[in-house]
Amino acid sequence: MDIKKLTKLSKQIRKLTLLSIYHAGSGHPGGALSIVELLVYLYFKEMNIENLDDPLRDRFILSKGHACPALYSVLVKKGFIEEEELWRLRHTNALLQGHPEMGIPGIEAPSGSLGQGFSIALGMAIGAKKLNKNFRTYVILGDGECNEGQVWEGAMFGAHHRLDNIVAIVDYNKLQSDDKCDNITSLSNLSDKWKAFNWNVIEIDGHNFSEIENALTSARHTLNKPTCIIAHTIKGKGVSFMENNPNWHGSRTLTDEELNIALEEIDKG
C-alpha cells in the first residue's frame, strides 16, 4: 500500500474513531487521533497480522489503552470485527469497551492501567526468543505513561535481555489527562533517557509515513538491543479545535455540531 492509500485510509480511520466516540457519548479523542498514522502503517504495511490464528503472527499491544477507538477502527478496516460494533462502543454488554479486553478479535492483551501493556509486550518478546519463534512485538505507549516507574523497569529488562524483536513507540504529543506533560512531570530529554537504558532510539514525525517506514526498517536491522521510536505527534490531529488541547483528552462529549465540523475538517485535511 503506497503513501496515498495510507493517507486516505488514515482519514477513514479518524472519521470512524470520532463517530464511535460520538455514539458512545464519551471516550478519548485526543490521544486516539494522535496515533492514527502509526496504527495504519503498522497494520497495513509493517506487521504480519493477516491471520489471527497464526502462532507466528506479529503482536501489537496498545499500552495507552484509552486510545482504543482508533485501534478498534483499524480492526474494522482489517476485517477482524464488524463496523456495527463501533456504534455500540462503551455500551453495556457490547463487544467494545473503553479499554481493550480479551475476547475482541485482534486484541492480544487487556490494557489501560498505564505501564502494564509495555510489560506484557516485553513478556511476549522474550517468550518469542526463548521459544525460537520468529515474530515481532510492537507496543505504543503514551508520553504521560512514561511517568510510570514500571515503564523504566521494563526498559531495563528489555535492554538487559537484548530484545531486538520488540519496538516501543512513544506517542509524544506533549499532553496528558490534565495539562501539558511538562507541567505535571517533565519528560525533558526523553530521547536521552531511553538511550541511557541502552535502547536504540529514533525520533520521527509520527504523522509522516516516510519517517515511520524508515524508523521501522531501521529497527528491523538493529541487532541485540530493543528499539524505541519517539513519535512526535499532535494530540487531536486533524481536528482544529481538538489539536493541542488537553480538554479533548477524554473529558468532553462531542455535540452534533462539533462532530460535523470535525468530519468536514478531516475530509478537507
C-alpha atoms as a PDB file:
ATOM      1  CA  MET A   1       0.000   0.000   0.000  1.00  0.00           C
ATOM      2  CA  ASP A   2       1.510   3.350  -1.055  1.00  0.00           C
ATOM      3  CA  ILE A   3       1.509   6.613   0.909  1.00  0.00           C
ATOM      4  CA  LYS A   4      -1.508   7.998  -0.970  1.00  0.00           C
ATOM      5  CA  LYS A   5      -3.603   4.974   0.013  1.00  0.00           C
ATOM      6  CA  LEU A   6      -2.293   5.034   3.586  1.00  0.00           C
ATOM      7  CA  THR A   7      -3.236   8.720   3.846  1.00  0.00           C
ATOM      8  CA  LYS A   8      -6.747   8.073   2.537  1.00  0.00           C
ATOM      9  CA  LEU A   9      -7.137   5.183   4.965  1.00  0.00           C
ATOM     10  CA  SER A  10      -5.989   7.388   7.848  1.00  0.00           C
ATOM     11  CA  LYS A  11      -8.807   9.831   7.119  1.00  0.00           C
ATOM     12  CA  GLN A  12     -11.293   6.978   7.181  1.00  0.00           C
ATOM     13  CA  ILE A  13      -9.897   5.737  10.488  1.00  0.00           C
ATOM     14  CA  ARG A  14     -10.125   9.227  12.023  1.00  0.00           C
ATOM     15  CA  LYS A  15     -13.760   9.540  10.975  1.00  0.00           C
ATOM     16  CA  LEU A  16     -14.692   6.101  12.313  1.00  0.00           C
ATOM     17  CA  THR A  17     -12.877   6.900  15.564  1.00  0.00           C
ATOM     18  CA  LEU A  18     -14.825  10.104  16.138  1.00  0.00           C
ATOM     19  CA  LEU A  19     -18.135   8.553  15.080  1.00  0.00           C
ATOM     20  CA  SER A  20     -17.670   5.704  17.557  1.00  0.00           C
ATOM     21  CA  ILE A  21     -16.866   8.137  20.372  1.00  0.00           C
ATOM     22  CA  TYR A  22     -19.886  10.253  19.408  1.00  0.00           C
ATOM     23  CA  HIS A  23     -22.205   7.229  19.588  1.00  0.00           C
ATOM     24  CA  ALA A  24     -20.667   6.243  22.926  1.00  0.00           C
ATOM     25  CA  GLY A  25     -21.167   9.701  24.386  1.00  0.00           C
ATOM     26  CA  SER A  26     -17.673   9.515  25.851  1.00  0.00           C
ATOM     27  CA  GLY A  27     -14.142   8.464  25.022  1.00  0.00           C
ATOM     28  CA  HIS A  28     -10.648   9.795  24.429  1.00  0.00           C
ATOM     29  CA  PRO A  29     -10.479  11.503  21.029  1.00  0.00           C
ATOM     30  CA  GLY A  30      -7.254  13.464  21.502  1.00  0.00           C
ATOM     31  CA  GLY A  31      -4.887  10.583  22.110  1.00  0.00           C
ATOM     32  CA  ALA A  32      -6.718   8.332  19.645  1.00  0.00           C
ATOM     33  CA  LEU A  33      -6.309  10.796  16.781  1.00  0.00           C
ATOM     34  CA  SER A  34      -2.604  11.286  17.506  1.00  0.00           C
ATOM     35  CA  ILE A  35      -1.722   7.632  16.810  1.00  0.00           C
ATOM     36  CA  VAL A  36      -3.718   7.041  13.624  1.00  0.00           C
ATOM     37  CA  GLU A  37      -0.802   7.090  11.151  1.00  0.00           C
ATOM     38  CA  LEU A  38       1.256   4.858  13.434  1.00  0.00           C
ATOM     39  CA  LEU A  39      -1.537   2.280  13.647  1.00  0.00           C
ATOM     40  CA  VAL A  40      -2.305   2.439   9.945  1.00  0.00           C
ATOM     41  CA  TYR A  41       1.310   1.837   8.951  1.00  0.00           C
ATOM     42  CA  LEU A  42       1.761  -0.982  11.457  1.00  0.00           C
ATOM     43  CA  TYR A  43      -1.382  -2.856  10.466  1.00  0.00           C
ATOM     44  CA  PHE A  44      -1.403  -2.253   6.726  1.00  0.00           C
ATOM     45  CA  LYS A  45       2.311  -2.210   5.880  1.00  0.00           C
ATOM     46  CA  GLU A  46       4.597  -3.400   8.673  1.00  0.00           C
ATOM     47  CA  MET A  47       3.163  -6.294  10.610  1.00  0.00           C
ATOM     48  CA  ASN A  48       2.497  -9.894   9.675  1.00  0.00           C
ATOM     49  CA  ILE A  49      -1.009  -9.990  11.064  1.00  0.00           C
ATOM     50  CA  GLU A  50      -3.338 -11.254   8.356  1.00  0.00           C
ATOM     51  CA  ASN A  51      -4.217 -14.471  10.201  1.00  0.00           C
ATOM     52  CA  LEU A  52      -5.061 -14.098  13.891  1.00  0.00           C
ATOM     53  CA  ASP A  53      -4.649 -17.860  14.404  1.00  0.00           C
ATOM     54  CA  ASP A  54      -1.088 -17.897  13.067  1.00  0.00           C
ATOM     55  CA  PRO A  55       1.276 -18.540  16.014  1.00  0.00           C
ATOM     56  CA  LEU A  56       3.979 -16.635  14.119  1.00  0.00           C
ATOM     57  CA  ARG A  57       1.845 -13.517  13.630  1.00  0.00           C
ATOM     58  CA  ASP A  58       3.331 -10.279  14.890  1.00  0.00           C
ATOM     59  CA  ARG A  59       1.902  -8.967  18.154  1.00  0.00           C
ATOM     60  CA  PHE A  60       0.636  -5.468  18.890  1.00  0.00           C
ATOM     61  CA  ILE A  61      -0.160  -4.024  22.310  1.00  0.00           C
ATOM     62  CA  LEU A  62      -1.817  -0.643  22.823  1.00  0.00           C
ATOM     63  CA  SER A  63      -0.345   0.165  26.214  1.00  0.00           C
ATOM     64  CA  LYS A  64      -2.167   3.530  26.264  1.00  0.00           C
ATOM     65  CA  GLY A  65      -5.409   1.594  26.187  1.00  0.00           C
ATOM     66  CA  HIS A  66      -7.699   4.627  26.400  1.00  0.00           C
ATOM     67  CA  ALA A  67      -6.864   5.375  22.730  1.00  0.00           C
ATOM     68  CA  CYS A  68      -8.602   2.141  21.676  1.00  0.00           C
ATOM     69  CA  PRO A  69     -11.306   3.758  19.477  1.00  0.00           C
ATOM     70  CA  ALA A  70      -8.583   4.281  16.859  1.00  0.00           C
ATOM     71  CA  LEU A  71      -7.394   0.685  17.234  1.00  0.00           C
ATOM     72  CA  TYR A  72     -10.954  -0.651  17.010  1.00  0.00           C
ATOM     73  CA  SER A  73     -11.444   1.341  13.795  1.00  0.00           C
ATOM     74  CA  VAL A  74      -8.278  -0.208  12.359  1.00  0.00           C
ATOM     75  CA  LEU A  75      -9.503  -3.681  13.308  1.00  0.00           C
ATOM     76  CA  VAL A  76     -12.733  -2.939  11.447  1.00  0.00           C
ATOM     77  CA  LYS A  77     -10.796  -1.984   8.324  1.00  0.00           C
ATOM     78  CA  LYS A  78      -8.736  -5.167   8.652  1.00  0.00           C
ATOM     79  CA  GLY A  79     -11.972  -7.150   8.675  1.00  0.00           C
ATOM     80  CA  PHE A  80     -11.453  -8.578  12.165  1.00  0.00           C
ATOM     81  CA  ILE A  81     -14.592  -7.012  13.677  1.00  0.00           C
ATOM     82  CA  GLU A  82     -17.848  -5.688  12.214  1.00  0.00           C
ATOM     83  CA  GLU A  83     -18.284  -1.937  11.738  1.00  0.00           C
ATOM     84  CA  GLU A  84     -21.599  -2.046  13.587  1.00  0.00           C
ATOM     85  CA  GLU A  85     -19.692  -2.827  16.786  1.00  0.00           C
ATOM     86  CA  LEU A  86     -18.236   0.696  16.701  1.00  0.00           C
ATOM     87  CA  TRP A  87     -21.683   2.202  17.194  1.00  0.00           C
ATOM     88  CA  ARG A  88     -22.057   0.225  20.425  1.00  0.00           C
ATOM     89  CA  LEU A  89     -18.739   1.400  21.901  1.00  0.00           C
ATOM     90  CA  ARG A  90     -18.884   1.554  25.712  1.00  0.00           C
ATOM     91  CA  HIS A  91     -22.446   0.229  25.767  1.00  0.00           C
ATOM     92  CA  THR A  92     -23.443  -2.354  28.375  1.00  0.00           C
ATOM     93  CA  ASN A  93     -22.757  -5.918  27.207  1.00  0.00           C
ATOM     94  CA  ALA A  94     -21.231  -4.671  23.937  1.00  0.00           C
ATOM     95  CA  LEU A  95     -18.057  -6.161  22.473  1.00  0.00           C
ATOM     96  CA  LEU A  96     -16.050  -2.928  22.503  1.00  0.00           C
ATOM     97  CA  GLN A  97     -15.444  -1.188  25.795  1.00  0.00           C
ATOM     98  CA  GLY A  98     -13.420   1.853  26.853  1.00  0.00           C
ATOM     99  CA  HIS A  99     -10.201  -0.135  27.086  1.00  0.00           C
ATOM    100  CA  PRO A 100      -9.058  -3.190  25.098  1.00  0.00           C
ATOM    101  CA  GLU A 101     -10.201  -6.516  26.502  1.00  0.00           C
ATOM    102  CA  MET A 102      -9.554 -10.151  25.698  1.00  0.00           C
ATOM    103  CA  GLY A 103     -12.246 -11.641  23.518  1.00  0.00           C
ATOM    104  CA  ILE A 104     -12.086  -8.857  20.940  1.00  0.00           C
ATOM    105  CA  PRO A 105     -10.611 -10.266  17.709  1.00  0.00           C
ATOM    106  CA  GLY A 106      -7.158  -8.768  17.208  1.00  0.00           C
ATOM    107  CA  ILE A 107      -6.632  -7.760  20.832  1.00  0.00           C
ATOM    108  CA  GLU A 108      -3.654  -9.620  22.303  1.00  0.00           C
ATOM    109  CA  ALA A 109      -3.944  -8.364  25.895  1.00  0.00           C
ATOM    110  CA  PRO A 110      -6.084  -6.111  28.078  1.00  0.00           C
ATOM    111  CA  SER A 111      -4.584  -2.689  28.693  1.00  0.00           C
ATOM    112  CA  GLY A 112      -5.427   0.566  30.327  1.00  0.00           C
ATOM    113  CA  SER A 113      -3.569   0.567  33.636  1.00  0.00           C
ATOM    114  CA  LEU A 114      -0.655   2.537  32.276  1.00  0.00           C
ATOM    115  CA  GLY A 115       2.713   0.778  32.116  1.00  0.00           C
ATOM    116  CA  GLN A 116       1.300  -2.722  32.183  1.00  0.00           C
ATOM    117  CA  GLY A 117       0.846  -3.075  28.430  1.00  0.00           C
ATOM    118  CA  PHE A 118       4.535  -2.362  27.930  1.00  0.00           C
ATOM    119  CA  SER A 119       5.423  -5.111  30.405  1.00  0.00           C
ATOM    120  CA  ILE A 120       3.119  -7.555  28.619  1.00  0.00           C
ATOM    121  CA  ALA A 121       4.757  -6.710  25.282  1.00  0.00           C
ATOM    122  CA  LEU A 122       8.195  -7.347  26.759  1.00  0.00           C
ATOM    123  CA  GLY A 123       6.987 -10.701  28.036  1.00  0.00           C
ATOM    124  CA  MET A 124       5.813 -11.635  24.554  1.00  0.00           C
ATOM    125  CA  ALA A 125       9.151 -10.597  23.087  1.00  0.00           C
ATOM    126  CA  ILE A 126      11.276 -12.610  25.495  1.00  0.00           C
ATOM    127  CA  GLY A 127       8.887 -15.548  25.115  1.00  0.00           C
ATOM    128  CA  ALA A 128       9.482 -15.493  21.357  1.00  0.00           C
ATOM    129  CA  LYS A 129      13.239 -15.503  21.961  1.00  0.00           C
ATOM    130  CA  LYS A 130      13.126 -18.425  24.369  1.00  0.00           C
ATOM    131  CA  LEU A 131      10.890 -20.456  22.062  1.00  0.00           C
ATOM    132  CA  ASN A 132      12.878 -19.522  18.943  1.00  0.00           C
ATOM    133  CA  LYS A 133       9.750 -18.043  17.363  1.00  0.00           C
ATOM    134  CA  ASN A 134      10.252 -15.541  14.566  1.00  0.00           C
ATOM    135  CA  PHE A 135       7.611 -12.931  15.324  1.00  0.00           C
ATOM    136  CA  ARG A 136       7.974  -9.317  16.377  1.00  0.00           C
ATOM    137  CA  THR A 137       6.146  -7.338  19.055  1.00  0.00           C
ATOM    138  CA  TYR A 138       5.096  -3.706  18.758  1.00  0.00           C
ATOM    139  CA  VAL A 139       3.749  -1.544  21.566  1.00  0.00           C
ATOM    140  CA  ILE A 140       2.509   2.054  21.671  1.00  0.00           C
ATOM    141  CA  LEU A 141       2.936   3.960  24.920  1.00  0.00           C
ATOM    142  CA  GLY A 142       1.712   7.418  25.826  1.00  0.00           C
ATOM    143  CA  ASP A 143       4.173  10.110  26.829  1.00  0.00           C
ATOM    144  CA  GLY A 144       2.275  10.649  30.072  1.00  0.00           C
ATOM    145  CA  GLU A 145       2.556   6.900  30.571  1.00  0.00           C
ATOM    146  CA  CYS A 146       6.308   7.363  30.831  1.00  0.00           C
ATOM    147  CA  ASN A 147       5.644   8.868  34.280  1.00  0.00           C
ATOM    148  CA  GLU A 148       5.140   5.288  35.446  1.00  0.00           C
ATOM    149  CA  GLY A 149       8.085   3.613  37.132  1.00  0.00           C
ATOM    150  CA  GLN A 150       7.024   0.314  35.582  1.00  0.00           C
ATOM    151  CA  VAL A 151       7.978   1.697  32.162  1.00  0.00           C
ATOM    152  CA  TRP A 152      11.585   2.222  33.224  1.00  0.00           C
ATOM    153  CA  GLU A 153      11.782  -1.177  34.910  1.00  0.00           C
ATOM    154  CA  GLY A 154      10.638  -2.592  31.588  1.00  0.00           C
ATOM    155  CA  ALA A 155      13.195  -0.529  29.706  1.00  0.00           C
ATOM    156  CA  MET A 156      15.971  -2.046  31.842  1.00  0.00           C
ATOM    157  CA  PHE A 157      14.566  -5.527  31.281  1.00  0.00           C
ATOM    158  CA  GLY A 158      14.349  -5.158  27.503  1.00  0.00           C
ATOM    159  CA  ALA A 159      17.897  -3.909  27.144  1.00  0.00           C
ATOM    160  CA  HIS A 160      19.326  -6.484  29.555  1.00  0.00           C
ATOM    161  CA  HIS A 161      17.807  -9.327  27.525  1.00  0.00           C
ATOM    162  CA  ARG A 162      18.778  -7.735  24.198  1.00  0.00           C
ATOM    163  CA  LEU A 163      15.245  -7.925  22.877  1.00  0.00           C
ATOM    164  CA  ASP A 164      15.782  -6.800  19.311  1.00  0.00           C
ATOM    165  CA  ASN A 165      12.378  -8.260  18.397  1.00  0.00           C
ATOM    166  CA  ILE A 166      10.389  -5.509  20.145  1.00  0.00           C
ATOM    167  CA  VAL A 167       9.658  -1.929  19.083  1.00  0.00           C
ATOM    168  CA  ALA A 168       8.278   0.519  21.618  1.00  0.00           C
ATOM    169  CA  ILE A 169       6.671   3.608  20.100  1.00  0.00           C
ATOM    170  CA  VAL A 170       6.108   6.598  22.370  1.00  0.00           C
ATOM    171  CA  ASP A 171       3.214   8.795  21.256  1.00  0.00           C
ATOM    172  CA  TYR A 172       4.936  12.054  22.163  1.00  0.00           C
ATOM    173  CA  ASN A 173       2.077  14.528  21.808  1.00  0.00           C
ATOM    174  CA  LYS A 174       3.280  16.512  24.848  1.00  0.00           C
ATOM    175  CA  LEU A 175      -0.102  16.406  26.634  1.00  0.00           C
ATOM    176  CA  GLN A 176      -1.726  14.115  29.158  1.00  0.00           C
ATOM    177  CA  SER A 177      -5.015  13.977  31.001  1.00  0.00           C
ATOM    178  CA  ASP A 178      -4.971  17.338  32.773  1.00  0.00           C
ATOM    179  CA  ASP A 179      -2.297  19.513  31.199  1.00  0.00           C
ATOM    180  CA  LYS A 180       0.992  19.627  29.323  1.00  0.00           C
ATOM    181  CA  CYS A 181       3.366  16.846  30.311  1.00  0.00           C
ATOM    182  CA  ASP A 182       5.988  19.412  31.264  1.00  0.00           C
ATOM    183  CA  ASN A 183       3.609  20.892  33.854  1.00  0.00           C
ATOM    184  CA  ILE A 184       2.929  17.545  35.525  1.00  0.00           C
ATOM    185  CA  THR A 185       6.151  15.519  35.369  1.00  0.00           C
ATOM    186  CA  SER A 186       8.663  16.775  32.834  1.00  0.00           C
ATOM    187  CA  LEU A 187       9.873  14.332  30.197  1.00  0.00           C
ATOM    188  CA  SER A 188      12.701  16.587  29.060  1.00  0.00           C
ATOM    189  CA  ASN A 189      15.467  14.778  27.157  1.00  0.00           C
ATOM    190  CA  LEU A 190      13.178  11.803  26.609  1.00  0.00           C
ATOM    191  CA  SER A 191      15.444  10.506  23.858  1.00  0.00           C
ATOM    192  CA  ASP A 192      18.477  10.629  26.144  1.00  0.00           C
ATOM    193  CA  LYS A 193      16.556   8.775  28.837  1.00  0.00           C
ATOM    194  CA  TRP A 194      15.837   5.810  26.552  1.00  0.00           C
ATOM    195  CA  LYS A 195      19.394   5.868  25.230  1.00  0.00           C
ATOM    196  CA  ALA A 196      20.671   5.720  28.804  1.00  0.00           C
ATOM    197  CA  PHE A 197      18.718   2.487  29.205  1.00  0.00           C
ATOM    198  CA  ASN A 198      20.611   1.156  26.163  1.00  0.00           C
ATOM    199  CA  TRP A 199      17.780   1.230  23.652  1.00  0.00           C
ATOM    200  CA  ASN A 200      18.206   2.089  20.005  1.00  0.00           C
ATOM    201  CA  VAL A 201      16.339   5.413  19.813  1.00  0.00           C
ATOM    202  CA  ILE A 202      14.862   7.020  16.696  1.00  0.00           C
ATOM    203  CA  GLU A 203      12.921  10.303  16.684  1.00  0.00           C
ATOM    204  CA  ILE A 204      10.343  10.909  13.965  1.00  0.00           C
ATOM    205  CA  ASP A 205       7.298  12.897  12.922  1.00  0.00           C
ATOM    206  CA  GLY A 206       4.609  10.409  13.912  1.00  0.00           C
ATOM    207  CA  HIS A 207       2.278  11.604  11.152  1.00  0.00           C
ATOM    208  CA  ASN A 208       4.812  11.204   8.326  1.00  0.00           C
ATOM    209  CA  PHE A 209       4.606   7.796   6.653  1.00  0.00           C
ATOM    210  CA  SER A 210       8.074   8.027   5.111  1.00  0.00           C
ATOM    211  CA  GLU A 211       9.650   8.669   8.507  1.00  0.00           C
ATOM    212  CA  ILE A 212       7.590   5.903  10.111  1.00  0.00           C
ATOM    213  CA  GLU A 213       8.738   3.485   7.415  1.00  0.00           C
ATOM    214  CA  ASN A 214      12.408   4.445   7.745  1.00  0.00           C
ATOM    215  CA  ALA A 215      12.294   4.070  11.530  1.00  0.00           C
ATOM    216  CA  LEU A 216      10.670   0.629  11.448  1.00  0.00           C
ATOM    217  CA  THR A 217      13.109  -0.524   8.758  1.00  0.00           C
ATOM    218  CA  SER A 218      15.996   0.636  10.917  1.00  0.00           C
ATOM    219  CA  ALA A 219      14.537  -1.237  13.889  1.00  0.00           C
ATOM    220  CA  ARG A 220      14.425  -4.471  11.889  1.00  0.00           C
ATOM    221  CA  HIS A 221      18.130  -4.113  11.106  1.00  0.00           C
ATOM    222  CA  THR A 222      19.144  -3.306  14.693  1.00  0.00           C
ATOM    223  CA  LEU A 223      20.534  -6.353  16.459  1.00  0.00           C
ATOM    224  CA  ASN A 224      20.989  -7.157  20.152  1.00  0.00           C
ATOM    225  CA  LYS A 225      19.097  -4.179  21.518  1.00  0.00           C
ATOM    226  CA  PRO A 226      15.458  -3.085  21.527  1.00  0.00           C
ATOM    227  CA  THR A 227      14.253  -0.028  19.635  1.00  0.00           C
ATOM    228  CA  CYS A 228      12.276   2.921  20.950  1.00  0.00           C
ATOM    229  CA  ILE A 229      10.689   5.203  18.362  1.00  0.00           C
ATOM    230  CA  ILE A 230       9.813   8.593  19.811  1.00  0.00           C
ATOM    231  CA  ALA A 231       6.999   9.765  17.561  1.00  0.00           C
ATOM    232  CA  HIS A 232       6.342  13.486  17.777  1.00  0.00           C
ATOM    233  CA  THR A 233       2.609  13.824  17.244  1.00  0.00           C
ATOM    234  CA  ILE A 234      -0.251  16.293  17.636  1.00  0.00           C
ATOM    235  CA  LYS A 235      -2.946  15.436  20.115  1.00  0.00           C
ATOM    236  CA  GLY A 236      -6.308  15.651  18.363  1.00  0.00           C
ATOM    237  CA  LYS A 237      -4.594  15.586  14.945  1.00  0.00           C
ATOM    238  CA  GLY A 238      -6.878  16.532  12.069  1.00  0.00           C
ATOM    239  CA  VAL A 239      -9.490  18.495  14.023  1.00  0.00           C
ATOM    240  CA  SER A 240      -8.617  22.148  14.602  1.00  0.00           C
ATOM    241  CA  PHE A 241     -10.489  22.635  17.887  1.00  0.00           C
ATOM    242  CA  MET A 242      -9.006  19.433  19.351  1.00  0.00           C
ATOM    243  CA  GLU A 243      -5.386  19.859  18.289  1.00  0.00           C
ATOM    244  CA  ASN A 244      -3.025  20.521  21.214  1.00  0.00           C
ATOM    245  CA  ASN A 245      -6.000  21.000  23.518  1.00  0.00           C
ATOM    246  CA  PRO A 246      -5.880  18.934  26.743  1.00  0.00           C
ATOM    247  CA  ASN A 247      -9.625  19.434  27.197  1.00  0.00           C
ATOM    248  CA  TRP A 248     -10.127  16.827  24.479  1.00  0.00           C
ATOM    249  CA  HIS A 249      -8.095  14.146  26.228  1.00  0.00           C
ATOM    250  CA  GLY A 250     -11.320  12.496  27.299  1.00  0.00           C
ATOM    251  CA  SER A 251     -13.433  14.820  29.404  1.00  0.00           C
ATOM    252  CA  ARG A 252     -15.941  16.145  26.865  1.00  0.00           C
ATOM    253  CA  THR A 253     -18.811  14.799  24.794  1.00  0.00           C
ATOM    254  CA  LEU A 254     -18.981  15.603  21.100  1.00  0.00           C
ATOM    255  CA  THR A 255     -22.020  17.652  20.122  1.00  0.00           C
ATOM    256  CA  ASP A 256     -23.716  17.199  16.751  1.00  0.00           C
ATOM    257  CA  GLU A 257     -22.191  20.462  15.544  1.00  0.00           C
ATOM    258  CA  GLU A 258     -18.694  19.563  16.739  1.00  0.00           C
ATOM    259  CA  LEU A 259     -18.907  16.156  15.077  1.00  0.00           C
ATOM    260  CA  ASN A 260     -19.971  17.650  11.745  1.00  0.00           C
ATOM    261  CA  ILE A 261     -17.190  20.249  11.839  1.00  0.00           C
ATOM    262  CA  ALA A 262     -14.619  17.577  12.741  1.00  0.00           C
ATOM    263  CA  LEU A 263     -15.681  15.221   9.953  1.00  0.00           C
ATOM    264  CA  GLU A 264     -15.603  18.057   7.428  1.00  0.00           C
ATOM    265  CA  GLU A 265     -12.110  19.134   8.515  1.00  0.00           C
ATOM    266  CA  ILE A 266     -10.817  15.554   8.262  1.00  0.00           C
ATOM    267  CA  ASP A 267     -12.188  15.277   4.721  1.00  0.00           C
ATOM    268  CA  LYS A 268     -10.507  18.529   3.707  1.00  0.00           C
ATOM    269  CA  GLY A 269      -7.241  17.783   5.507  1.00  0.00           C
END
